[in-house]
Each structure stands twice: as structure tokens, then as C-alpha cells.
Amino acid sequence: MGHVDPAADPLVRSLKRAAGVLKEAELPFALAGGFAAYARGAAISTHDVDFVLREQDAEAALTALAKVGMTPHECPEDWLVKVHDDDRMIDLIYRPSGRPVDDALLGRADELGLAGVMLPVLPAEDLVIMRLLAYTETACDFSDFLHVCRALREQVDWAKVAKETGHSPYAYAFLTLLHRLDVIDGGFP
């Protein structure tokens, strides 16, 4: 398989465009999901773009993105809003895994470069915690997140992840799998 140029990817262009709009509107946000993992060293995401922002900023973000031609998308979930940039989906998440986005979470984001732009990117630890808490009885396919954890393993305090996700049997199962696969050591509680 040949080298993929992230800057040529239409989804990356949509990410950069949306991040620019959010910055210009002075709305606090951070890159999350697969592209945040990519910015931190994992394989490139090909599904959608995820940003986290405070709930009180969601409508202003939708308005700002609509002004540049992005189309708000109706969604039944009560923890995010969505926009389309042509056929590319951008999720604006304000309550990932039932936990509200607040200034503390946004304050932990690092300014990282992605395809020629600097933008706030959530720490690997927060990415892992959010993902593990999203697993449920009907959504617990671990296969698409194993490679991310392998790529980011040195950036994560796994004991903290275990503590923050300890109430979830799915998170426990995932952490046990990572341990059994020798991705992480067994030092988590």
C-alpha cells in the first residue's frame, strides 16, 4: 500500500476548514476521536471528524459552520450535534460517554500540528477513557481500537485509565485484553 498524503484527503481538508472556523469564532474546542489519535501517532482516520466543545458553545459552532456552507445534520442523540461538509461528517461532541466537556478537559489539550495547521488535540489518556466508556453491550467491537492503543501506549497512564473507567465491565475487558496481548503491563488496578 502506498503512502497516503493527509493534506490531500478530503476529510482532512474538512477538519482543517472546521477547525479554522471554530478558531475564528473564538469557540474553545479540541480535536478528538480518530484524528486526535492520528495527530498523536496512530494510523489515519477515514470515518469522520470529531471535535469536543462545551455544550453551551454547540449552537454557536453550528451557526459559524453553517455560515461557511456546512450543513447541520439532524441527529437523535442528546450528546452531540453534527454538520456535513459536502458528504463528510463532522461531529461536535459536548457530552462524550455521558461526561460533559468542560474547561478542564479543553485545558488539557495540546497544540499539535496536523497537515500543516496547529490545533488543540485531546491527550491520549482522555481519548482512551472516552472510547472505553463508550463501549456497551451492543457496541463492544474492540478490533478498531486495538491498533490505536498500541500506537499511543507510551502516552497513556494506564492506571489512571483503569481508575476512571473502573465501573465499566467493557473497559475492564478491553484493558485485560490489552494486558494479555502485551500492549500494556498488568499494573493497573
Protein backbone atom coordinates (compact mmCIF):
# COMPACT_ATOMS: atom_id res chain seq x y z
CA MET A 1 0.00 0.00 0.00
CA GLY A 2 1.36 3.43 -0.95
CA HIS A 3 1.88 6.45 1.27
CA VAL A 4 -1.26 8.46 1.98
CA ASP A 5 -0.84 12.23 1.86
CA PRO A 6 -3.06 13.50 4.70
CA ALA A 7 -3.20 17.02 3.26
CA ALA A 8 -4.81 15.64 0.07
CA ASP A 9 -7.51 13.74 1.99
CA PRO A 10 -10.91 15.49 1.66
CA LEU A 11 -11.75 14.59 5.27
CA VAL A 12 -8.54 16.28 6.47
CA ARG A 13 -9.44 19.36 4.43
CA SER A 14 -12.86 19.42 6.13
CA LEU A 15 -11.17 19.03 9.53
CA LYS A 16 -8.86 21.97 8.81
CA ARG A 17 -11.72 24.08 7.48
CA ALA A 18 -13.94 23.41 10.52
CA ALA A 19 -11.07 23.99 12.97
CA GLY A 20 -10.36 27.33 11.29
CA VAL A 21 -14.00 28.37 11.61
CA LEU A 22 -14.13 27.39 15.29
CA LYS A 23 -10.89 29.28 15.98
CA GLU A 24 -12.14 32.35 14.14
CA ALA A 25 -15.39 32.23 16.13
CA GLU A 26 -13.27 32.05 19.31
CA LEU A 27 -15.05 28.91 20.49
CA PRO A 28 -12.98 26.66 22.76
CA PHE A 29 -12.67 23.17 21.25
CA ALA A 30 -10.28 20.26 20.84
CA LEU A 31 -9.80 17.57 18.23
CA ALA A 32 -10.95 14.17 19.47
CA GLY A 33 -11.55 10.70 18.05
CA GLY A 34 -9.54 9.07 15.31
CA PHE A 35 -7.89 12.23 14.02
CA ALA A 36 -6.69 13.16 17.51
CA ALA A 37 -5.20 9.68 17.75
CA TYR A 38 -3.63 10.22 14.32
CA ALA A 39 -2.13 13.55 15.43
CA ARG A 40 -0.57 11.62 18.33
CA GLY A 41 0.88 8.83 16.19
CA ALA A 42 -1.85 6.31 15.32
CA ALA A 43 -2.99 5.40 11.80
CA ILE A 44 -5.06 7.98 9.91
CA SER A 45 -8.81 8.00 10.46
CA THR A 46 -11.10 7.57 7.49
CA HIS A 47 -14.55 7.76 9.04
CA ASP A 48 -15.42 11.25 10.30
CA VAL A 49 -14.05 14.22 12.22
CA ASP A 50 -14.71 14.59 15.95
CA PHE A 51 -14.33 17.77 17.94
CA VAL A 52 -15.23 18.25 21.59
CA LEU A 53 -16.62 21.53 22.86
CA ARG A 54 -18.72 22.77 25.74
CA GLU A 55 -22.47 22.25 25.43
CA GLN A 56 -23.14 25.98 25.71
CA ASP A 57 -21.00 26.51 22.57
CA ALA A 58 -22.67 23.90 20.36
CA GLU A 59 -25.27 26.19 18.77
CA ALA A 60 -22.73 28.94 18.11
CA ALA A 61 -20.45 26.36 16.49
CA LEU A 62 -23.28 25.10 14.27
CA THR A 63 -24.11 28.66 13.26
CA ALA A 64 -20.49 29.50 12.45
CA LEU A 65 -20.03 26.33 10.39
CA ALA A 66 -23.32 26.87 8.54
CA LYS A 67 -22.16 30.38 7.58
CA VAL A 68 -19.31 28.83 5.57
CA GLY A 69 -21.60 26.40 3.79
CA MET A 70 -21.58 23.37 6.05
CA THR A 71 -24.97 21.77 6.58
CA PRO A 72 -26.31 20.98 10.08
CA HIS A 73 -27.47 17.37 10.30
CA GLU A 74 -30.40 16.29 12.45
CA CYS A 75 -29.41 13.59 14.92
CA PRO A 76 -31.43 11.94 17.69
CA GLU A 77 -28.54 11.79 20.16
CA ASP A 78 -28.51 14.30 23.00
CA TRP A 79 -24.74 14.42 23.44
CA LEU A 80 -23.59 15.92 20.14
CA VAL A 81 -24.54 17.88 17.04
CA LYS A 82 -23.39 17.16 13.51
CA VAL A 83 -22.62 19.01 10.32
CA HIS A 84 -21.82 17.86 6.81
CA ASP A 85 -19.10 19.41 4.71
CA ASP A 86 -20.34 18.07 1.38
CA ASP A 87 -20.50 14.33 2.12
CA ARG A 88 -18.06 14.43 5.05
CA MET A 89 -19.42 14.23 8.60
CA ILE A 90 -18.15 16.40 11.43
CA ASP A 91 -19.30 15.59 14.97
CA LEU A 92 -19.34 18.32 17.61
CA ILE A 93 -19.44 16.37 20.87
CA TYR A 94 -20.31 18.06 24.14
CA ARG A 95 -21.01 15.03 26.38
CA PRO A 96 -18.77 12.12 25.33
CA SER A 97 -19.70 8.90 27.12
CA GLY A 98 -22.03 10.83 29.42
CA ARG A 99 -19.27 13.12 30.75
CA PRO A 100 -19.65 16.83 29.98
CA VAL A 101 -16.90 18.68 28.16
CA ASP A 102 -15.61 21.38 30.48
CA ASP A 103 -12.77 23.88 30.67
CA ALA A 104 -10.57 21.36 32.49
CA LEU A 105 -10.82 18.84 29.63
CA LEU A 106 -10.25 21.50 26.98
CA GLY A 107 -7.36 22.89 29.04
CA ARG A 108 -5.55 19.54 28.86
CA ALA A 109 -5.44 19.70 25.05
CA ASP A 110 -2.05 20.22 23.42
CA GLU A 111 -1.47 22.39 20.36
CA LEU A 112 -0.28 19.90 17.76
CA GLY A 113 0.30 20.10 14.04
CA LEU A 114 -1.90 18.18 11.65
CA ALA A 115 -1.50 18.54 7.88
CA GLY A 116 0.05 21.97 8.21
CA VAL A 117 -2.21 23.52 10.86
CA MET A 118 -1.88 23.81 14.60
CA LEU A 119 -4.92 22.93 16.64
CA PRO A 120 -5.80 21.76 20.14
CA VAL A 121 -5.75 17.95 20.41
CA LEU A 122 -7.01 15.95 23.37
CA PRO A 123 -4.40 13.96 25.31
CA ALA A 124 -4.13 10.26 24.53
CA GLU A 125 -5.37 9.39 28.02
CA ASP A 126 -8.62 11.31 27.54
CA LEU A 127 -9.10 9.72 24.11
CA VAL A 128 -8.74 6.25 25.59
CA ILE A 129 -11.03 6.98 28.54
CA MET A 130 -13.74 8.38 26.25
CA ARG A 131 -13.54 5.41 23.93
CA LEU A 132 -13.57 2.80 26.68
CA LEU A 133 -16.59 4.39 28.34
CA ALA A 134 -18.44 4.34 25.02
CA TYR A 135 -18.40 0.53 24.89
CA THR A 136 -21.74 -1.06 25.74
CA GLU A 137 -23.41 -4.44 25.47
CA THR A 138 -24.47 -3.66 21.91
CA ALA A 139 -21.33 -1.76 20.87
CA CYS A 140 -18.21 -3.53 22.07
CA ASP A 141 -16.16 -4.36 18.97
CA PHE A 142 -12.64 -3.79 20.23
CA SER A 143 -10.88 -4.50 16.93
CA ASP A 144 -10.83 -0.96 15.60
CA PHE A 145 -9.29 0.50 18.78
CA LEU A 146 -6.56 -2.04 19.50
CA HIS A 147 -4.16 -0.51 16.97
CA VAL A 148 -4.79 2.96 18.43
CA CYS A 149 -3.88 1.81 21.93
CA ARG A 150 -0.80 0.04 20.63
CA ALA A 151 0.33 3.25 18.90
CA LEU A 152 -0.43 5.51 21.88
CA ARG A 153 0.51 3.19 24.74
CA GLU A 154 3.56 5.18 25.87
CA GLN A 155 1.46 8.38 26.13
CA VAL A 156 -1.14 6.92 28.49
CA ASP A 157 -1.20 6.49 32.27
CA TRP A 158 -2.98 3.13 32.19
CA ALA A 159 -3.57 3.05 35.96
CA LYS A 160 -5.45 6.35 35.63
CA VAL A 161 -7.46 4.97 32.71
CA ALA A 162 -8.35 1.90 34.77
CA LYS A 163 -9.42 4.07 37.71
CA GLU A 164 -11.53 6.42 35.56
CA THR A 165 -13.24 3.53 33.75
CA GLY A 166 -13.39 1.05 36.64
CA HIS A 167 -17.19 1.00 36.75
CA SER A 168 -17.40 -0.30 33.16
CA PRO A 169 -17.09 -4.07 32.63
CA TYR A 170 -16.38 -3.39 28.94
CA ALA A 171 -13.46 -1.10 29.78
CA TYR A 172 -12.15 -3.73 32.19
CA ALA A 173 -12.41 -6.39 29.47
CA PHE A 174 -10.59 -4.14 26.99
CA LEU A 175 -7.79 -3.35 29.45
CA THR A 176 -7.46 -7.05 30.25
CA LEU A 177 -7.21 -7.78 26.53
CA LEU A 178 -4.50 -5.12 26.13
CA HIS A 179 -2.60 -6.71 29.01
CA ARG A 180 -2.95 -10.25 27.61
CA LEU A 181 -1.72 -9.00 24.21
CA ASP A 182 1.32 -7.41 25.93
CA VAL A 183 0.31 -3.92 24.80
CA ILE A 184 0.28 -2.70 28.42
CA ASP A 185 1.59 -4.17 31.65
CA GLY A 186 -0.71 -5.54 34.29
CA GLY A 187 -0.04 -2.76 36.80
CA PHE A 188 -3.49 -1.25 36.54
CA PRO A 189 -5.93 -1.69 39.48
